[in-house]
Amino acid sequence: MNVDEVLICSVGDLMICDSPLYASVGVGSRYKEIRLKLIEESKSQFEGADMVIGNLESVVHEPKNSGLQEVQMCCPKGALQDLSDIGFGVLNIANNHIMQHGAKAFEKTICACRAVGLHCIGEKAKHPYYVTIKGIQFALFSLCIHLEWYQPNNIMFHYLL
């Protein structure tokens, strides 16, 4: 098979949330009002891509209170469908915030991703994600370059010596 081109787009932190510096005024708090514009502008960036990969720097979690520790780095479940609609197919979860709200929120995030057809890479003890594009097989995996601050035993890490 003669393949002329495989176009893979990869982006850094997808923070569909409020970071500690922008709690109550960040993307997460404004997501409902800005989501259509974000989708429209982002989707055009990936037209023609065979695969789109992003680092999910958000957790699907509904805080019980509005304190800073509870609201930071939380994204609505519907945002994952939006990422899929934009063109994302693979999300890295090996990062320093994925376990911020505990194992239940982590599992909920993984399940929400799978429910909309997003593949997660970087979960400890999982094999690489294999995908074939235009007859070429790719193996995708992800590592975090520093310790996960919250629950370090569930994510794949690369320790810098």
N, C-alpha and C. Protein backbone atom coordinates (compact mmCIF):
# COMPACT_ATOMS: atom_id res chain seq x y z
N MET A 1 0.84 -1.17 0.00
CA MET A 1 0.00 0.00 0.00
C MET A 1 0.89 1.24 0.00
N ASN A 2 0.61 2.16 -0.87
CA ASN A 2 1.37 3.40 -0.97
C ASN A 2 0.61 4.50 -0.23
N VAL A 3 1.22 5.00 0.82
CA VAL A 3 0.60 6.06 1.61
C VAL A 3 1.35 7.35 1.36
N ASP A 4 0.62 8.36 0.91
CA ASP A 4 1.25 9.65 0.68
C ASP A 4 1.47 10.43 1.97
N GLU A 5 0.50 10.34 2.86
CA GLU A 5 0.58 11.19 4.04
C GLU A 5 -0.37 10.72 5.13
N VAL A 6 0.10 10.75 6.36
CA VAL A 6 -0.75 10.56 7.53
C VAL A 6 -0.59 11.82 8.36
N LEU A 7 -1.69 12.48 8.63
CA LEU A 7 -1.64 13.73 9.38
C LEU A 7 -2.14 13.49 10.80
N ILE A 8 -1.22 13.65 11.76
CA ILE A 8 -1.55 13.50 13.17
C ILE A 8 -1.36 14.86 13.84
N CYS A 9 -2.41 15.33 14.48
CA CYS A 9 -2.34 16.60 15.22
C CYS A 9 -2.31 16.27 16.71
N SER A 10 -1.47 16.96 17.43
CA SER A 10 -1.37 16.75 18.86
C SER A 10 -1.29 18.10 19.55
N VAL A 11 -2.05 18.24 20.61
CA VAL A 11 -2.05 19.51 21.35
C VAL A 11 -1.75 19.25 22.82
N GLY A 12 -1.32 20.28 23.49
CA GLY A 12 -1.00 20.20 24.91
C GLY A 12 -2.23 20.23 25.78
N ASP A 13 -2.14 20.90 26.88
CA ASP A 13 -3.15 20.84 27.91
C ASP A 13 -4.53 21.30 27.46
N LEU A 14 -5.49 20.39 27.57
CA LEU A 14 -6.90 20.71 27.35
C LEU A 14 -7.50 21.00 28.72
N MET A 15 -7.55 22.26 29.05
CA MET A 15 -8.04 22.67 30.37
C MET A 15 -9.45 23.25 30.22
N ILE A 16 -10.40 22.35 30.20
CA ILE A 16 -11.80 22.75 30.10
C ILE A 16 -12.31 22.87 31.53
N CYS A 17 -11.63 23.70 32.28
CA CYS A 17 -11.86 23.77 33.72
C CYS A 17 -11.35 25.10 34.24
N ASP A 18 -11.50 25.30 35.52
CA ASP A 18 -10.90 26.45 36.19
C ASP A 18 -9.64 25.97 36.88
N SER A 19 -8.54 26.61 36.59
CA SER A 19 -7.29 26.29 37.28
C SER A 19 -7.32 27.00 38.64
N PRO A 20 -6.38 26.68 39.52
CA PRO A 20 -6.37 27.35 40.82
C PRO A 20 -6.29 28.88 40.71
N LEU A 21 -5.64 29.37 39.68
CA LEU A 21 -5.50 30.82 39.52
C LEU A 21 -6.76 31.50 39.00
N TYR A 22 -7.67 30.70 38.39
CA TYR A 22 -8.86 31.28 37.77
C TYR A 22 -10.15 30.63 38.26
N ALA A 23 -10.18 30.19 39.48
CA ALA A 23 -11.38 29.57 40.02
C ALA A 23 -12.53 30.57 39.95
N SER A 24 -13.64 30.13 39.43
CA SER A 24 -14.89 30.86 39.25
C SER A 24 -14.86 31.88 38.11
N VAL A 25 -13.73 32.07 37.46
CA VAL A 25 -13.67 33.00 36.32
C VAL A 25 -12.96 32.38 35.11
N GLY A 26 -12.59 31.12 35.20
CA GLY A 26 -11.86 30.46 34.12
C GLY A 26 -12.76 29.84 33.07
N VAL A 27 -12.15 29.03 32.22
CA VAL A 27 -12.87 28.37 31.12
C VAL A 27 -13.99 27.49 31.67
N GLY A 28 -13.74 26.76 32.75
CA GLY A 28 -14.76 25.89 33.32
C GLY A 28 -16.01 26.63 33.73
N SER A 29 -15.84 27.76 34.38
CA SER A 29 -16.98 28.56 34.83
C SER A 29 -17.74 29.18 33.66
N ARG A 30 -17.04 29.47 32.59
CA ARG A 30 -17.65 30.13 31.44
C ARG A 30 -17.97 29.16 30.30
N TYR A 31 -17.75 27.87 30.52
CA TYR A 31 -17.83 26.90 29.43
C TYR A 31 -19.16 26.94 28.69
N LYS A 32 -20.25 27.00 29.40
CA LYS A 32 -21.56 26.99 28.74
C LYS A 32 -21.72 28.16 27.78
N GLU A 33 -21.21 29.32 28.15
CA GLU A 33 -21.38 30.50 27.28
C GLU A 33 -20.37 30.56 26.14
N ILE A 34 -19.22 29.90 26.28
CA ILE A 34 -18.19 30.00 25.23
C ILE A 34 -18.00 28.71 24.43
N ARG A 35 -18.70 27.63 24.80
CA ARG A 35 -18.43 26.33 24.19
C ARG A 35 -18.64 26.30 22.69
N LEU A 36 -19.69 26.92 22.17
CA LEU A 36 -19.93 26.88 20.73
C LEU A 36 -18.82 27.57 19.95
N LYS A 37 -18.34 28.69 20.46
CA LYS A 37 -17.23 29.39 19.81
C LYS A 37 -15.96 28.54 19.87
N LEU A 38 -15.69 27.94 21.03
CA LEU A 38 -14.52 27.07 21.16
C LEU A 38 -14.58 25.90 20.18
N ILE A 39 -15.74 25.27 20.09
CA ILE A 39 -15.91 24.13 19.19
C ILE A 39 -15.68 24.56 17.75
N GLU A 40 -16.33 25.64 17.35
CA GLU A 40 -16.22 26.13 15.97
C GLU A 40 -14.77 26.46 15.61
N GLU A 41 -14.10 27.21 16.46
CA GLU A 41 -12.74 27.63 16.16
C GLU A 41 -11.75 26.47 16.23
N SER A 42 -11.97 25.55 17.14
CA SER A 42 -11.06 24.41 17.29
C SER A 42 -11.24 23.39 16.17
N LYS A 43 -12.48 23.12 15.83
CA LYS A 43 -12.77 22.10 14.82
C LYS A 43 -12.07 22.41 13.50
N SER A 44 -12.04 23.66 13.11
CA SER A 44 -11.42 24.03 11.83
C SER A 44 -9.91 23.77 11.84
N GLN A 45 -9.29 23.77 13.02
CA GLN A 45 -7.86 23.54 13.11
C GLN A 45 -7.47 22.09 12.78
N PHE A 46 -8.42 21.18 12.90
CA PHE A 46 -8.11 19.76 12.73
C PHE A 46 -8.71 19.15 11.47
N GLU A 47 -9.24 19.97 10.61
CA GLU A 47 -9.82 19.45 9.36
C GLU A 47 -8.76 18.70 8.58
N GLY A 48 -9.10 17.52 8.15
CA GLY A 48 -8.19 16.70 7.36
C GLY A 48 -7.24 15.84 8.17
N ALA A 49 -7.25 15.99 9.49
CA ALA A 49 -6.37 15.18 10.33
C ALA A 49 -6.86 13.74 10.38
N ASP A 50 -5.92 12.82 10.34
CA ASP A 50 -6.24 11.41 10.47
C ASP A 50 -6.39 11.00 11.93
N MET A 51 -5.73 11.73 12.81
CA MET A 51 -5.84 11.47 14.24
C MET A 51 -5.53 12.77 14.99
N VAL A 52 -6.31 13.02 16.04
CA VAL A 52 -6.08 14.20 16.89
C VAL A 52 -5.92 13.71 18.32
N ILE A 53 -4.82 14.14 18.94
CA ILE A 53 -4.46 13.71 20.30
C ILE A 53 -4.36 14.96 21.18
N GLY A 54 -4.85 14.85 22.41
CA GLY A 54 -4.72 15.96 23.35
C GLY A 54 -4.43 15.47 24.75
N ASN A 55 -3.86 16.34 25.55
CA ASN A 55 -3.58 16.04 26.96
C ASN A 55 -4.74 16.55 27.80
N LEU A 56 -5.53 15.64 28.34
CA LEU A 56 -6.70 16.03 29.14
C LEU A 56 -6.26 16.48 30.52
N GLU A 57 -6.18 17.76 30.71
CA GLU A 57 -5.74 18.35 31.98
C GLU A 57 -6.98 18.80 32.76
N SER A 58 -7.99 17.95 32.77
CA SER A 58 -9.25 18.20 33.45
C SER A 58 -9.80 16.87 33.93
N VAL A 59 -10.67 16.92 34.93
CA VAL A 59 -11.29 15.72 35.48
C VAL A 59 -12.80 15.90 35.49
N VAL A 60 -13.53 14.87 35.08
CA VAL A 60 -14.99 14.93 35.17
C VAL A 60 -15.36 14.72 36.63
N HIS A 61 -15.82 15.79 37.25
CA HIS A 61 -16.13 15.75 38.69
C HIS A 61 -17.12 16.86 38.99
N GLU A 62 -18.18 16.52 39.72
CA GLU A 62 -19.15 17.52 40.16
C GLU A 62 -18.88 17.83 41.62
N PRO A 63 -18.28 18.97 41.90
CA PRO A 63 -17.94 19.32 43.28
C PRO A 63 -19.17 19.42 44.17
N LYS A 64 -19.02 19.00 45.42
CA LYS A 64 -20.11 19.10 46.40
C LYS A 64 -20.18 20.48 47.01
N ASN A 65 -19.07 21.23 46.97
CA ASN A 65 -19.10 22.60 47.47
C ASN A 65 -18.27 23.47 46.53
N SER A 66 -18.27 24.75 46.78
CA SER A 66 -17.62 25.68 45.86
C SER A 66 -16.24 26.13 46.31
N GLY A 67 -15.63 25.39 47.25
CA GLY A 67 -14.30 25.74 47.70
C GLY A 67 -13.26 25.53 46.60
N LEU A 68 -12.18 26.25 46.67
CA LEU A 68 -11.13 26.20 45.64
C LEU A 68 -10.64 24.78 45.39
N GLN A 69 -10.39 24.02 46.43
CA GLN A 69 -9.88 22.66 46.25
C GLN A 69 -10.87 21.78 45.49
N GLU A 70 -12.15 22.02 45.66
CA GLU A 70 -13.17 21.21 45.02
C GLU A 70 -13.42 21.59 43.56
N VAL A 71 -13.38 22.86 43.24
CA VAL A 71 -13.78 23.28 41.90
C VAL A 71 -12.64 23.29 40.88
N GLN A 72 -11.40 23.36 41.33
CA GLN A 72 -10.32 23.47 40.37
C GLN A 72 -10.13 22.17 39.57
N MET A 73 -9.86 22.33 38.30
CA MET A 73 -9.54 21.27 37.35
C MET A 73 -10.72 20.33 37.05
N CYS A 74 -11.95 20.76 37.33
CA CYS A 74 -13.15 19.96 37.03
C CYS A 74 -13.76 20.39 35.71
N CYS A 75 -14.15 19.43 34.90
CA CYS A 75 -14.83 19.76 33.64
C CYS A 75 -16.17 19.04 33.58
N PRO A 76 -17.11 19.61 32.85
CA PRO A 76 -18.41 18.94 32.71
C PRO A 76 -18.27 17.71 31.81
N LYS A 77 -19.06 16.68 32.10
CA LYS A 77 -19.04 15.45 31.32
C LYS A 77 -19.28 15.73 29.83
N GLY A 78 -20.17 16.68 29.54
CA GLY A 78 -20.48 17.02 28.16
C GLY A 78 -19.31 17.58 27.37
N ALA A 79 -18.30 18.09 28.07
CA ALA A 79 -17.12 18.62 27.38
C ALA A 79 -16.38 17.53 26.63
N LEU A 80 -16.47 16.30 27.12
CA LEU A 80 -15.79 15.19 26.42
C LEU A 80 -16.47 14.90 25.09
N GLN A 81 -17.80 14.99 25.05
CA GLN A 81 -18.49 14.85 23.77
C GLN A 81 -18.07 15.97 22.82
N ASP A 82 -17.93 17.17 23.36
CA ASP A 82 -17.47 18.30 22.55
C ASP A 82 -16.08 18.03 21.97
N LEU A 83 -15.17 17.47 22.78
CA LEU A 83 -13.84 17.14 22.28
C LEU A 83 -13.91 16.12 21.15
N SER A 84 -14.77 15.13 21.31
CA SER A 84 -14.96 14.15 20.25
C SER A 84 -15.52 14.80 18.99
N ASP A 85 -16.49 15.68 19.16
CA ASP A 85 -17.08 16.38 18.01
C ASP A 85 -16.06 17.27 17.30
N ILE A 86 -15.14 17.84 18.05
CA ILE A 86 -14.09 18.68 17.47
C ILE A 86 -13.16 17.85 16.60
N GLY A 87 -12.99 16.57 16.96
CA GLY A 87 -12.11 15.70 16.18
C GLY A 87 -11.11 14.92 16.99
N PHE A 88 -11.08 15.16 18.30
CA PHE A 88 -10.16 14.40 19.13
C PHE A 88 -10.58 12.94 19.15
N GLY A 89 -9.59 12.05 19.15
CA GLY A 89 -9.85 10.62 19.24
C GLY A 89 -9.08 9.97 20.36
N VAL A 90 -7.99 10.63 20.78
CA VAL A 90 -7.11 10.07 21.81
C VAL A 90 -6.79 11.16 22.83
N LEU A 91 -6.90 10.81 24.11
CA LEU A 91 -6.57 11.75 25.18
C LEU A 91 -5.54 11.14 26.11
N ASN A 92 -4.48 11.89 26.36
CA ASN A 92 -3.49 11.50 27.36
C ASN A 92 -4.05 11.81 28.74
N ILE A 93 -3.93 10.85 29.64
CA ILE A 93 -4.37 11.08 31.01
C ILE A 93 -3.22 10.99 32.01
N ALA A 94 -2.01 10.74 31.53
CA ALA A 94 -0.85 10.65 32.43
C ALA A 94 -0.33 12.06 32.69
N ASN A 95 -0.97 12.71 33.64
CA ASN A 95 -0.54 14.07 33.98
C ASN A 95 -0.78 14.33 35.46
N ASN A 96 -0.37 15.48 35.91
CA ASN A 96 -0.39 15.78 37.34
C ASN A 96 -1.75 16.18 37.90
N HIS A 97 -2.81 16.19 37.10
CA HIS A 97 -4.12 16.58 37.64
C HIS A 97 -5.19 15.50 37.52
N ILE A 98 -4.95 14.44 36.79
CA ILE A 98 -6.01 13.47 36.51
C ILE A 98 -6.54 12.78 37.78
N MET A 99 -5.72 12.68 38.83
CA MET A 99 -6.16 12.04 40.07
C MET A 99 -6.50 13.05 41.16
N GLN A 100 -6.58 14.30 40.79
CA GLN A 100 -6.76 15.37 41.78
C GLN A 100 -8.00 15.19 42.64
N HIS A 101 -9.06 14.63 42.09
CA HIS A 101 -10.29 14.47 42.85
C HIS A 101 -10.57 13.02 43.21
N GLY A 102 -9.51 12.22 43.21
CA GLY A 102 -9.61 10.85 43.69
C GLY A 102 -9.90 9.81 42.62
N ALA A 103 -9.87 8.56 43.07
CA ALA A 103 -10.02 7.42 42.17
C ALA A 103 -11.40 7.37 41.51
N LYS A 104 -12.45 7.75 42.23
CA LYS A 104 -13.79 7.70 41.64
C LYS A 104 -13.92 8.70 40.49
N ALA A 105 -13.41 9.89 40.68
CA ALA A 105 -13.46 10.90 39.60
C ALA A 105 -12.58 10.46 38.43
N PHE A 106 -11.45 9.85 38.73
CA PHE A 106 -10.58 9.31 37.68
C PHE A 106 -11.33 8.28 36.84
N GLU A 107 -11.95 7.30 37.51
CA GLU A 107 -12.70 6.25 36.80
C GLU A 107 -13.87 6.85 36.03
N LYS A 108 -14.54 7.82 36.62
CA LYS A 108 -15.66 8.48 35.94
C LYS A 108 -15.17 9.18 34.67
N THR A 109 -14.01 9.79 34.74
CA THR A 109 -13.43 10.47 33.58
C THR A 109 -13.12 9.46 32.48
N ILE A 110 -12.49 8.34 32.84
CA ILE A 110 -12.17 7.29 31.86
C ILE A 110 -13.45 6.76 31.22
N CYS A 111 -14.46 6.46 32.02
CA CYS A 111 -15.73 5.94 31.50
C CYS A 111 -16.42 6.96 30.59
N ALA A 112 -16.39 8.23 30.98
CA ALA A 112 -17.01 9.28 30.16
C ALA A 112 -16.29 9.41 28.82
N CYS A 113 -14.98 9.26 28.84
CA CYS A 113 -14.22 9.30 27.58
C CYS A 113 -14.63 8.14 26.68
N ARG A 114 -14.64 6.95 27.23
CA ARG A 114 -14.99 5.75 26.44
C ARG A 114 -16.41 5.86 25.89
N ALA A 115 -17.31 6.43 26.67
CA ALA A 115 -18.71 6.53 26.25
C ALA A 115 -18.90 7.36 24.99
N VAL A 116 -17.97 8.28 24.74
CA VAL A 116 -18.08 9.12 23.53
C VAL A 116 -17.02 8.75 22.49
N GLY A 117 -16.38 7.59 22.67
CA GLY A 117 -15.45 7.09 21.67
C GLY A 117 -14.03 7.65 21.76
N LEU A 118 -13.67 8.23 22.90
CA LEU A 118 -12.32 8.75 23.08
C LEU A 118 -11.45 7.68 23.74
N HIS A 119 -10.27 7.45 23.20
CA HIS A 119 -9.34 6.48 23.76
C HIS A 119 -8.39 7.18 24.71
N CYS A 120 -8.19 6.61 25.89
CA CYS A 120 -7.28 7.19 26.88
C CYS A 120 -5.95 6.44 26.85
N ILE A 121 -4.88 7.20 26.90
CA ILE A 121 -3.55 6.61 26.99
C ILE A 121 -2.86 7.14 28.23
N GLY A 122 -2.07 6.29 28.88
CA GLY A 122 -1.32 6.71 30.04
C GLY A 122 -1.78 6.08 31.34
N GLU A 123 -2.78 5.24 31.30
CA GLU A 123 -3.26 4.59 32.51
C GLU A 123 -2.30 3.45 32.86
N LYS A 124 -1.93 3.37 34.12
CA LYS A 124 -0.98 2.36 34.56
C LYS A 124 -1.51 0.95 34.26
N ALA A 125 -0.62 0.08 33.85
CA ALA A 125 -0.91 -1.34 33.58
C ALA A 125 -1.78 -1.56 32.35
N LYS A 126 -1.94 -0.55 31.53
CA LYS A 126 -2.68 -0.72 30.27
C LYS A 126 -1.67 -0.79 29.13
N HIS A 127 -1.99 -1.61 28.17
CA HIS A 127 -1.13 -1.72 27.00
C HIS A 127 -1.26 -0.47 26.15
N PRO A 128 -0.31 -0.27 25.26
CA PRO A 128 -0.47 0.88 24.35
C PRO A 128 -1.78 0.75 23.55
N TYR A 129 -2.25 1.85 23.09
CA TYR A 129 -3.43 1.87 22.21
C TYR A 129 -2.90 1.72 20.79
N TYR A 130 -3.35 0.68 20.12
CA TYR A 130 -2.93 0.43 18.74
C TYR A 130 -4.02 0.90 17.80
N VAL A 131 -3.61 1.61 16.78
CA VAL A 131 -4.55 2.09 15.78
C VAL A 131 -3.88 2.01 14.41
N THR A 132 -4.65 1.62 13.42
CA THR A 132 -4.13 1.55 12.05
C THR A 132 -4.74 2.67 11.24
N ILE A 133 -3.88 3.45 10.62
CA ILE A 133 -4.31 4.57 9.78
C ILE A 133 -3.67 4.40 8.41
N LYS A 134 -4.50 4.31 7.39
CA LYS A 134 -4.01 4.17 6.02
C LYS A 134 -3.00 3.04 5.90
N GLY A 135 -3.30 1.94 6.59
CA GLY A 135 -2.46 0.75 6.50
C GLY A 135 -1.22 0.76 7.38
N ILE A 136 -1.02 1.82 8.14
CA ILE A 136 0.14 1.91 9.03
C ILE A 136 -0.35 1.76 10.47
N GLN A 137 0.30 0.84 11.21
CA GLN A 137 -0.10 0.65 12.60
C GLN A 137 0.74 1.55 13.52
N PHE A 138 0.03 2.24 14.41
CA PHE A 138 0.66 3.11 15.39
C PHE A 138 0.40 2.54 16.78
N ALA A 139 1.37 2.64 17.66
CA ALA A 139 1.21 2.27 19.07
C ALA A 139 1.37 3.55 19.88
N LEU A 140 0.34 3.91 20.60
CA LEU A 140 0.35 5.15 21.37
C LEU A 140 0.36 4.84 22.85
N PHE A 141 1.24 5.50 23.56
CA PHE A 141 1.27 5.40 25.01
C PHE A 141 1.73 6.74 25.54
N SER A 142 1.56 6.94 26.81
CA SER A 142 1.90 8.24 27.38
C SER A 142 2.50 8.06 28.76
N LEU A 143 3.43 8.93 29.08
CA LEU A 143 4.09 8.93 30.37
C LEU A 143 4.09 10.34 30.93
N CYS A 144 4.04 10.45 32.24
CA CYS A 144 4.14 11.74 32.90
C CYS A 144 5.58 11.93 33.35
N ILE A 145 6.13 13.13 33.20
CA ILE A 145 7.53 13.32 33.52
C ILE A 145 7.80 13.68 34.97
N HIS A 146 6.77 13.81 35.77
CA HIS A 146 6.98 13.99 37.20
C HIS A 146 5.87 13.31 37.97
N LEU A 147 6.10 13.09 39.23
CA LEU A 147 5.13 12.37 40.06
C LEU A 147 3.76 13.02 40.03
N GLU A 148 2.75 12.19 39.93
CA GLU A 148 1.37 12.64 40.06
C GLU A 148 1.20 13.03 41.53
N TRP A 149 0.74 14.22 41.79
CA TRP A 149 0.71 14.76 43.14
C TRP A 149 -0.34 14.11 44.04
N TYR A 150 -1.36 13.55 43.48
CA TYR A 150 -2.51 13.17 44.28
C TYR A 150 -2.58 11.68 44.60
N GLN A 151 -2.47 10.83 43.61
CA GLN A 151 -2.50 9.38 43.82
C GLN A 151 -1.56 8.74 42.81
N PRO A 152 -0.27 8.71 43.11
CA PRO A 152 0.74 8.34 42.12
C PRO A 152 0.75 6.88 41.66
N ASN A 153 -0.03 6.02 42.25
CA ASN A 153 0.05 4.61 41.88
C ASN A 153 -0.86 4.20 40.73
N ASN A 154 -1.61 5.12 40.16
CA ASN A 154 -2.57 4.75 39.11
C ASN A 154 -2.20 5.24 37.71
N ILE A 155 -1.14 6.02 37.59
CA ILE A 155 -0.77 6.61 36.32
C ILE A 155 0.62 6.14 35.93
N MET A 156 0.88 6.03 34.65
CA MET A 156 2.23 5.67 34.18
C MET A 156 3.13 6.88 34.29
N PHE A 157 4.32 6.69 34.83
CA PHE A 157 5.25 7.79 35.01
C PHE A 157 6.61 7.46 34.46
N HIS A 158 7.28 8.47 34.02
CA HIS A 158 8.69 8.39 33.66
C HIS A 158 9.43 9.23 34.67
N TYR A 159 10.26 8.59 35.46
CA TYR A 159 10.98 9.32 36.50
C TYR A 159 12.26 9.89 35.94
N LEU A 160 12.46 11.17 36.13
CA LEU A 160 13.68 11.82 35.71
C LEU A 160 14.74 11.59 36.79
N LEU A 161 15.89 11.11 36.39
CA LEU A 161 16.96 10.84 37.36
C LEU A 161 17.91 12.02 37.45
